Amino acid sequence: MDIKWEQEWDKTYKTQGEVQIDVLPTVRVVTDVFKKYGCKSIMDLGCGTGRHSIYLAQQGFKVYATDVSDTGLEITKLKAEKLNLDNIKFKKHDMRDITFETNSFDGVLCVWTTGHGSLDDSRRNVSEIYRVLKPNGVVVIDYVSKDDGNYGKGKEIEKDTFIDNVEGEENIPHHYTTIDELKELYSNFSEVNIASKDYYFWDVFKRKHTIKAFVVISIK
C-alpha cells in the first residue's frame, strides 16, 4: 500500500470533511445498468466518504465500501449507522491491490478515483478490477480527459501526469487520458463502452468547476 496516498487522503478528509455529498448523475443512471445485468454485490472502489456506497445500499444492492483512507471509511460507517443500513461492508485497501478473492463481485463502481495516480497505476487498477469481477461482471468507472482544464498545469512528472495542479490535492499525481488509451486498458474485457462526460460541481467557496471525463462501462 502506498502510505503517502493514505496520509494525503486522511489529511484531506480530516481537514475538509465530506468533500462532496451529492450523488453523481453517472451513478444514478448506472444503477439501472447494474440491475439490467443482474448485479447484486457491488464494490464501491475508492468510496471516499461514502456518498455512492450509501446510495447503492439504499437501492437494495449488497455494497462493499472500500478505500485507502481510514478517515473516509469511518465517515462512511457513521453515515450508514445513522441510516440503519445493514447491507454495507467496509474494507481498507489500495485500488491497485484489491484484497478480495478472484471472481468476488457482480459489479464494481469506481468514480472520481482513477484520475489520481499514473498510467501504470491505472493499469494495475484495471487488472485488479478484472480479477475480482465475476464472469460477465460489470465495471462502471470514469477517467479525466486530456481536454480537462487542469491538464498541463503544475509539474509534469511523466507523460500526461501532473502534480501540484489541483487545488487541495497538490501532492497527489493526476493522470489525464484519451479514448485510445482507454481502449488499450480495457482490451481484455468482452464489451467496452466509452462516453464523454462533463461533471459540474461547486466547492466550499461556492465556485463552479468542470471536470471533463470519460465514463467507461465494461463487461468482463
C-alpha atoms as a PDB file:
ATOM      1  CA  MET A   1       0.000   0.000   0.000  1.00  0.00           C
ATOM      2  CA  ASP A   2       1.207   3.473  -0.849  1.00  0.00           C
ATOM      3  CA  ILE A   3       1.425   5.102   2.597  1.00  0.00           C
ATOM      4  CA  LYS A   4       1.751   8.569   1.135  1.00  0.00           C
ATOM      5  CA  TRP A   5      -1.629   8.260  -0.592  1.00  0.00           C
ATOM      6  CA  GLU A   6      -3.187   7.046   2.625  1.00  0.00           C
ATOM      7  CA  GLN A   7      -1.776  10.001   4.530  1.00  0.00           C
ATOM      8  CA  GLU A   8      -2.814  12.514   1.873  1.00  0.00           C
ATOM      9  CA  TRP A   9      -6.437  11.350   1.774  1.00  0.00           C
ATOM     10  CA  ASP A  10      -6.658  11.093   5.548  1.00  0.00           C
ATOM     11  CA  LYS A  11      -5.426  14.681   5.756  1.00  0.00           C
ATOM     12  CA  THR A  12      -7.959  15.816   3.150  1.00  0.00           C
ATOM     13  CA  TYR A  13     -10.921  14.226   4.932  1.00  0.00           C
ATOM     14  CA  LYS A  14      -9.791  15.373   8.360  1.00  0.00           C
ATOM     15  CA  THR A  15      -9.408  18.992   7.257  1.00  0.00           C
ATOM     16  CA  GLN A  16     -12.266  19.205   4.727  1.00  0.00           C
ATOM     17  CA  GLY A  17     -14.695  16.553   5.956  1.00  0.00           C
ATOM     18  CA  GLU A  18     -17.121  15.374   3.278  1.00  0.00           C
ATOM     19  CA  VAL A  19     -15.522  16.881   0.203  1.00  0.00           C
ATOM     20  CA  GLN A  20     -18.568  16.060  -1.950  1.00  0.00           C
ATOM     21  CA  ILE A  21     -22.030  14.983  -0.809  1.00  0.00           C
ATOM     22  CA  ASP A  22     -24.203  14.942  -3.946  1.00  0.00           C
ATOM     23  CA  VAL A  23     -24.670  11.667  -5.814  1.00  0.00           C
ATOM     24  CA  LEU A  24     -23.187  11.985  -9.294  1.00  0.00           C
ATOM     25  CA  PRO A  25     -25.628  11.708 -12.249  1.00  0.00           C
ATOM     26  CA  THR A  26     -23.482   8.876 -13.615  1.00  0.00           C
ATOM     27  CA  VAL A  27     -24.198   6.773 -10.531  1.00  0.00           C
ATOM     28  CA  ARG A  28     -27.938   7.404 -10.674  1.00  0.00           C
ATOM     29  CA  VAL A  29     -28.018   6.269 -14.307  1.00  0.00           C
ATOM     30  CA  VAL A  30     -25.791   3.209 -13.989  1.00  0.00           C
ATOM     31  CA  THR A  31     -27.817   1.832 -11.115  1.00  0.00           C
ATOM     32  CA  ASP A  32     -30.173   0.672 -13.867  1.00  0.00           C
ATOM     33  CA  VAL A  33     -27.215  -0.853 -15.722  1.00  0.00           C
ATOM     34  CA  PHE A  34     -26.266  -2.910 -12.676  1.00  0.00           C
ATOM     35  CA  LYS A  35     -29.869  -4.059 -12.320  1.00  0.00           C
ATOM     36  CA  LYS A  36     -30.096  -4.901 -16.032  1.00  0.00           C
ATOM     37  CA  TYR A  37     -27.163  -7.288 -15.709  1.00  0.00           C
ATOM     38  CA  GLY A  38     -28.480  -8.839 -12.518  1.00  0.00           C
ATOM     39  CA  CYS A  39     -25.756  -7.398 -10.280  1.00  0.00           C
ATOM     40  CA  LYS A  40     -26.387  -7.844  -6.578  1.00  0.00           C
ATOM     41  CA  SER A  41     -22.956  -7.401  -4.959  1.00  0.00           C
ATOM     42  CA  ILE A  42     -21.215  -4.120  -5.816  1.00  0.00           C
ATOM     43  CA  MET A  43     -17.811  -2.878  -4.708  1.00  0.00           C
ATOM     44  CA  ASP A  44     -17.583   0.908  -4.423  1.00  0.00           C
ATOM     45  CA  LEU A  45     -13.857   1.195  -5.113  1.00  0.00           C
ATOM     46  CA  GLY A  46     -12.422   4.409  -3.686  1.00  0.00           C
ATOM     47  CA  CYS A  47     -15.613   5.200  -1.795  1.00  0.00           C
ATOM     48  CA  GLY A  48     -14.225   8.333  -0.116  1.00  0.00           C
ATOM     49  CA  THR A  49     -16.776   9.476   2.434  1.00  0.00           C
ATOM     50  CA  GLY A  50     -19.430   7.133   1.112  1.00  0.00           C
ATOM     51  CA  ARG A  51     -21.998   9.139  -0.819  1.00  0.00           C
ATOM     52  CA  HIS A  52     -22.285   6.453  -3.509  1.00  0.00           C
ATOM     53  CA  SER A  53     -21.985   3.487  -1.164  1.00  0.00           C
ATOM     54  CA  ILE A  54     -24.960   4.863   0.774  1.00  0.00           C
ATOM     55  CA  TYR A  55     -26.942   5.470  -2.410  1.00  0.00           C
ATOM     56  CA  LEU A  56     -26.304   1.978  -3.777  1.00  0.00           C
ATOM     57  CA  ALA A  57     -27.239   0.403  -0.450  1.00  0.00           C
ATOM     58  CA  GLN A  58     -30.489   2.371  -0.469  1.00  0.00           C
ATOM     59  CA  GLN A  59     -31.186   0.921  -3.923  1.00  0.00           C
ATOM     60  CA  GLY A  60     -31.001  -2.578  -2.460  1.00  0.00           C
ATOM     61  CA  PHE A  61     -27.515  -3.706  -3.506  1.00  0.00           C
ATOM     62  CA  LYS A  62     -25.107  -5.512  -1.203  1.00  0.00           C
ATOM     63  CA  VAL A  63     -22.320  -2.939  -1.065  1.00  0.00           C
ATOM     64  CA  TYR A  64     -18.651  -3.249  -0.222  1.00  0.00           C
ATOM     65  CA  ALA A  65     -17.307   0.216   0.562  1.00  0.00           C
ATOM     66  CA  THR A  66     -13.532   0.259   0.122  1.00  0.00           C
ATOM     67  CA  ASP A  67     -10.934   2.993   0.331  1.00  0.00           C
ATOM     68  CA  VAL A  68      -7.286   3.615   1.213  1.00  0.00           C
ATOM     69  CA  SER A  69      -8.294   6.153   3.894  1.00  0.00           C
ATOM     70  CA  ASP A  70      -9.292   5.134   7.430  1.00  0.00           C
ATOM     71  CA  THR A  71     -10.906   8.543   7.876  1.00  0.00           C
ATOM     72  CA  GLY A  72     -13.047   8.198   4.749  1.00  0.00           C
ATOM     73  CA  LEU A  73     -14.208   4.748   5.803  1.00  0.00           C
ATOM     74  CA  GLU A  74     -15.017   5.922   9.322  1.00  0.00           C
ATOM     75  CA  ILE A  75     -17.175   8.767   7.976  1.00  0.00           C
ATOM     76  CA  THR A  76     -18.962   6.287   5.700  1.00  0.00           C
ATOM     77  CA  LYS A  77     -19.578   3.875   8.583  1.00  0.00           C
ATOM     78  CA  LEU A  78     -21.104   6.604  10.732  1.00  0.00           C
ATOM     79  CA  LYS A  79     -23.441   7.652   7.920  1.00  0.00           C
ATOM     80  CA  ALA A  80     -24.546   4.054   7.354  1.00  0.00           C
ATOM     81  CA  GLU A  81     -25.193   3.551  11.054  1.00  0.00           C
ATOM     82  CA  LYS A  82     -27.319   6.710  11.269  1.00  0.00           C
ATOM     83  CA  LEU A  83     -29.422   5.440   8.363  1.00  0.00           C
ATOM     84  CA  ASN A  84     -29.644   1.907   9.820  1.00  0.00           C
ATOM     85  CA  LEU A  85     -28.181   0.390   6.659  1.00  0.00           C
ATOM     86  CA  ASP A  86     -27.025  -3.164   7.281  1.00  0.00           C
ATOM     87  CA  ASN A  87     -26.167  -4.067   3.666  1.00  0.00           C
ATOM     88  CA  ILE A  88     -22.779  -2.286   3.564  1.00  0.00           C
ATOM     89  CA  LYS A  89     -19.469  -3.880   4.490  1.00  0.00           C
ATOM     90  CA  PHE A  90     -16.215  -1.966   4.791  1.00  0.00           C
ATOM     91  CA  LYS A  91     -12.643  -2.754   3.888  1.00  0.00           C
ATOM     92  CA  LYS A  92      -9.450  -0.761   3.607  1.00  0.00           C
ATOM     93  CA  HIS A  93      -7.219  -1.344   0.591  1.00  0.00           C
ATOM     94  CA  ASP A  94      -5.467   0.374  -2.268  1.00  0.00           C
ATOM     95  CA  MET A  95      -7.244   0.468  -5.649  1.00  0.00           C
ATOM     96  CA  ARG A  96      -4.109  -1.088  -7.182  1.00  0.00           C
ATOM     97  CA  ASP A  97      -4.052  -4.012  -4.740  1.00  0.00           C
ATOM     98  CA  ILE A  98      -7.592  -5.169  -4.034  1.00  0.00           C
ATOM     99  CA  THR A  99      -7.706  -7.568  -1.096  1.00  0.00           C
ATOM    100  CA  PHE A 100     -10.640  -9.693  -2.254  1.00  0.00           C
ATOM    101  CA  GLU A 101     -10.603 -13.093  -3.903  1.00  0.00           C
ATOM    102  CA  THR A 102     -10.902 -13.612  -7.655  1.00  0.00           C
ATOM    103  CA  ASN A 103     -14.492 -13.549  -9.012  1.00  0.00           C
ATOM    104  CA  SER A 104     -15.921 -11.860  -5.919  1.00  0.00           C
ATOM    105  CA  PHE A 105     -18.281  -9.201  -7.304  1.00  0.00           C
ATOM    106  CA  ASP A 106     -21.119  -8.808  -9.780  1.00  0.00           C
ATOM    107  CA  GLY A 107     -20.213  -5.169 -10.283  1.00  0.00           C
ATOM    108  CA  VAL A 108     -17.599  -2.543  -9.494  1.00  0.00           C
ATOM    109  CA  LEU A 109     -18.223   1.187  -9.257  1.00  0.00           C
ATOM    110  CA  CYS A 110     -15.170   3.434  -9.347  1.00  0.00           C
ATOM    111  CA  VAL A 111     -15.844   7.140  -9.925  1.00  0.00           C
ATOM    112  CA  TRP A 112     -13.746  10.238  -9.281  1.00  0.00           C
ATOM    113  CA  THR A 113     -10.905   7.957  -8.243  1.00  0.00           C
ATOM    114  CA  THR A 114      -8.798   6.723 -11.149  1.00  0.00           C
ATOM    115  CA  GLY A 115      -7.521  10.148 -12.195  1.00  0.00           C
ATOM    116  CA  HIS A 116      -5.321  10.024  -9.107  1.00  0.00           C
ATOM    117  CA  GLY A 117      -2.026   8.370  -9.949  1.00  0.00           C
ATOM    118  CA  SER A 118      -0.060   7.464 -13.060  1.00  0.00           C
ATOM    119  CA  LEU A 119      -0.929   5.435 -16.154  1.00  0.00           C
ATOM    120  CA  ASP A 120       0.782   2.443 -14.548  1.00  0.00           C
ATOM    121  CA  ASP A 121      -1.472   2.881 -11.506  1.00  0.00           C
ATOM    122  CA  SER A 122      -4.468   2.737 -13.858  1.00  0.00           C
ATOM    123  CA  ARG A 123      -3.152  -0.439 -15.481  1.00  0.00           C
ATOM    124  CA  ARG A 124      -2.784  -2.105 -12.091  1.00  0.00           C
ATOM    125  CA  ASN A 125      -6.231  -0.885 -11.093  1.00  0.00           C
ATOM    126  CA  VAL A 126      -7.922  -2.280 -14.225  1.00  0.00           C
ATOM    127  CA  SER A 127      -6.112  -5.602 -13.847  1.00  0.00           C
ATOM    128  CA  GLU A 128      -7.353  -5.925 -10.274  1.00  0.00           C
ATOM    129  CA  ILE A 129     -10.915  -4.953 -11.212  1.00  0.00           C
ATOM    130  CA  TYR A 130     -10.921  -7.600 -13.947  1.00  0.00           C
ATOM    131  CA  ARG A 131      -9.667 -10.183 -11.465  1.00  0.00           C
ATOM    132  CA  VAL A 132     -12.288  -9.564  -8.765  1.00  0.00           C
ATOM    133  CA  LEU A 133     -15.236  -9.319 -11.154  1.00  0.00           C
ATOM    134  CA  LYS A 134     -17.259 -12.459 -11.736  1.00  0.00           C
ATOM    135  CA  PRO A 135     -17.650 -13.680 -15.323  1.00  0.00           C
ATOM    136  CA  ASN A 136     -19.985 -11.236 -17.141  1.00  0.00           C
ATOM    137  CA  GLY A 137     -19.489  -8.778 -14.275  1.00  0.00           C
ATOM    138  CA  VAL A 138     -19.857  -5.048 -14.916  1.00  0.00           C
ATOM    139  CA  VAL A 139     -17.496  -2.193 -14.120  1.00  0.00           C
ATOM    140  CA  VAL A 140     -18.559   1.440 -14.261  1.00  0.00           C
ATOM    141  CA  ILE A 141     -15.587   3.741 -13.985  1.00  0.00           C
ATOM    142  CA  ASP A 142     -14.514   7.202 -15.088  1.00  0.00           C
ATOM    143  CA  TYR A 143     -11.294   8.943 -16.096  1.00  0.00           C
ATOM    144  CA  VAL A 144     -10.296  12.575 -16.512  1.00  0.00           C
ATOM    145  CA  SER A 145      -9.757  13.587 -20.137  1.00  0.00           C
ATOM    146  CA  LYS A 146      -6.805  15.459 -21.611  1.00  0.00           C
ATOM    147  CA  ASP A 147      -9.399  18.112 -22.544  1.00  0.00           C
ATOM    148  CA  ASP A 148      -9.857  18.956 -18.864  1.00  0.00           C
ATOM    149  CA  GLY A 149      -8.894  22.468 -17.813  1.00  0.00           C
ATOM    150  CA  ASN A 150      -6.291  21.266 -15.308  1.00  0.00           C
ATOM    151  CA  TYR A 151      -4.332  19.350 -17.930  1.00  0.00           C
ATOM    152  CA  GLY A 152      -0.887  20.860 -18.329  1.00  0.00           C
ATOM    153  CA  LYS A 153      -0.936  22.726 -15.018  1.00  0.00           C
ATOM    154  CA  GLY A 154       1.607  22.096 -12.270  1.00  0.00           C
ATOM    155  CA  LYS A 155       4.629  19.866 -12.780  1.00  0.00           C
ATOM    156  CA  GLU A 156       4.590  17.030 -15.310  1.00  0.00           C
ATOM    157  CA  ILE A 157       6.203  14.017 -13.618  1.00  0.00           C
ATOM    158  CA  GLU A 158       5.627  11.693 -16.578  1.00  0.00           C
ATOM    159  CA  LYS A 159       3.654  11.823 -19.818  1.00  0.00           C
ATOM    160  CA  ASP A 160       0.180  13.311 -19.158  1.00  0.00           C
ATOM    161  CA  THR A 161       0.624  13.034 -15.370  1.00  0.00           C
ATOM    162  CA  PHE A 162       0.992  16.133 -13.168  1.00  0.00           C
ATOM    163  CA  ILE A 163       1.333  17.115  -9.522  1.00  0.00           C
ATOM    164  CA  ASP A 164       0.558  20.461  -7.890  1.00  0.00           C
ATOM    165  CA  ASN A 165      -2.174  21.104 -10.445  1.00  0.00           C
ATOM    166  CA  VAL A 166      -5.414  20.538  -8.495  1.00  0.00           C
ATOM    167  CA  GLU A 167      -6.283  22.753  -5.537  1.00  0.00           C
ATOM    168  CA  GLY A 168      -6.470  20.759  -2.309  1.00  0.00           C
ATOM    169  CA  GLU A 169      -4.707  17.754  -3.873  1.00  0.00           C
ATOM    170  CA  GLU A 170      -1.318  19.311  -4.580  1.00  0.00           C
ATOM    171  CA  ASN A 171       0.755  16.298  -3.524  1.00  0.00           C
ATOM    172  CA  ILE A 172      -1.350  13.743  -5.372  1.00  0.00           C
ATOM    173  CA  PRO A 173      -0.479  12.919  -9.017  1.00  0.00           C
ATOM    174  CA  HIS A 174      -3.221  13.298 -11.630  1.00  0.00           C
ATOM    175  CA  HIS A 175      -3.230  11.446 -14.946  1.00  0.00           C
ATOM    176  CA  TYR A 176      -5.212  12.599 -17.999  1.00  0.00           C
ATOM    177  CA  THR A 177      -6.272  10.117 -20.651  1.00  0.00           C
ATOM    178  CA  THR A 178      -7.621   9.567 -24.187  1.00  0.00           C
ATOM    179  CA  ILE A 179     -10.145   7.181 -25.736  1.00  0.00           C
ATOM    180  CA  ASP A 180      -7.358   5.223 -27.442  1.00  0.00           C
ATOM    181  CA  GLU A 181      -5.576   4.780 -24.125  1.00  0.00           C
ATOM    182  CA  LEU A 182      -8.777   3.527 -22.505  1.00  0.00           C
ATOM    183  CA  LYS A 183      -9.415   1.050 -25.309  1.00  0.00           C
ATOM    184  CA  GLU A 184      -5.954  -0.377 -24.649  1.00  0.00           C
ATOM    185  CA  LEU A 185      -6.564  -0.536 -20.901  1.00  0.00           C
ATOM    186  CA  TYR A 186      -9.819  -2.472 -21.368  1.00  0.00           C
ATOM    187  CA  SER A 187      -8.722  -4.736 -24.229  1.00  0.00           C
ATOM    188  CA  ASN A 188      -9.269  -7.873 -22.082  1.00  0.00           C
ATOM    189  CA  PHE A 189     -12.945  -7.105 -21.494  1.00  0.00           C
ATOM    190  CA  SER A 190     -15.617  -8.674 -23.728  1.00  0.00           C
ATOM    191  CA  GLU A 191     -17.529  -5.408 -24.162  1.00  0.00           C
ATOM    192  CA  VAL A 192     -16.366  -1.807 -23.723  1.00  0.00           C
ATOM    193  CA  ASN A 193     -18.456   1.346 -23.982  1.00  0.00           C
ATOM    194  CA  ILE A 194     -16.803   4.770 -23.608  1.00  0.00           C
ATOM    195  CA  ALA A 195     -18.708   8.058 -23.446  1.00  0.00           C
ATOM    196  CA  SER A 196     -17.621  11.652 -22.851  1.00  0.00           C
ATOM    197  CA  LYS A 197     -18.989  13.238 -19.699  1.00  0.00           C
ATOM    198  CA  ASP A 198     -18.740  16.739 -18.224  1.00  0.00           C
ATOM    199  CA  TYR A 199     -19.119  16.865 -14.460  1.00  0.00           C
ATOM    200  CA  TYR A 200     -20.052  20.107 -12.713  1.00  0.00           C
ATOM    201  CA  PHE A 201     -19.574  20.788  -9.020  1.00  0.00           C
ATOM    202  CA  TRP A 202     -19.250  23.653  -6.565  1.00  0.00           C
ATOM    203  CA  ASP A 203     -16.501  23.889  -3.958  1.00  0.00           C
ATOM    204  CA  VAL A 204     -16.815  25.113  -0.372  1.00  0.00           C
ATOM    205  CA  PHE A 205     -16.379  28.683  -1.627  1.00  0.00           C
ATOM    206  CA  LYS A 206     -19.374  28.275  -3.985  1.00  0.00           C
ATOM    207  CA  ARG A 207     -17.131  28.342  -7.055  1.00  0.00           C
ATOM    208  CA  LYS A 208     -18.303  26.252 -10.002  1.00  0.00           C
ATOM    209  CA  HIS A 209     -15.871  23.742 -11.512  1.00  0.00           C
ATOM    210  CA  THR A 210     -15.997  21.458 -14.547  1.00  0.00           C
ATOM    211  CA  ILE A 211     -14.297  18.090 -14.945  1.00  0.00           C
ATOM    212  CA  LYS A 212     -14.090  16.756 -18.489  1.00  0.00           C
ATOM    213  CA  ALA A 213     -14.104  12.995 -18.298  1.00  0.00           C
ATOM    214  CA  PHE A 214     -14.825   9.675 -19.944  1.00  0.00           C
ATOM    215  CA  VAL A 215     -17.217   7.143 -18.438  1.00  0.00           C
ATOM    216  CA  VAL A 216     -16.358   3.519 -19.201  1.00  0.00           C
ATOM    217  CA  ILE A 217     -18.903   0.719 -18.857  1.00  0.00           C
ATOM    218  CA  SER A 218     -17.286  -2.652 -19.474  1.00  0.00           C
ATOM    219  CA  ILE A 219     -18.367  -6.279 -19.254  1.00  0.00           C
ATOM    220  CA  LYS A 220     -15.844  -8.943 -18.258  1.00  0.00           C
END
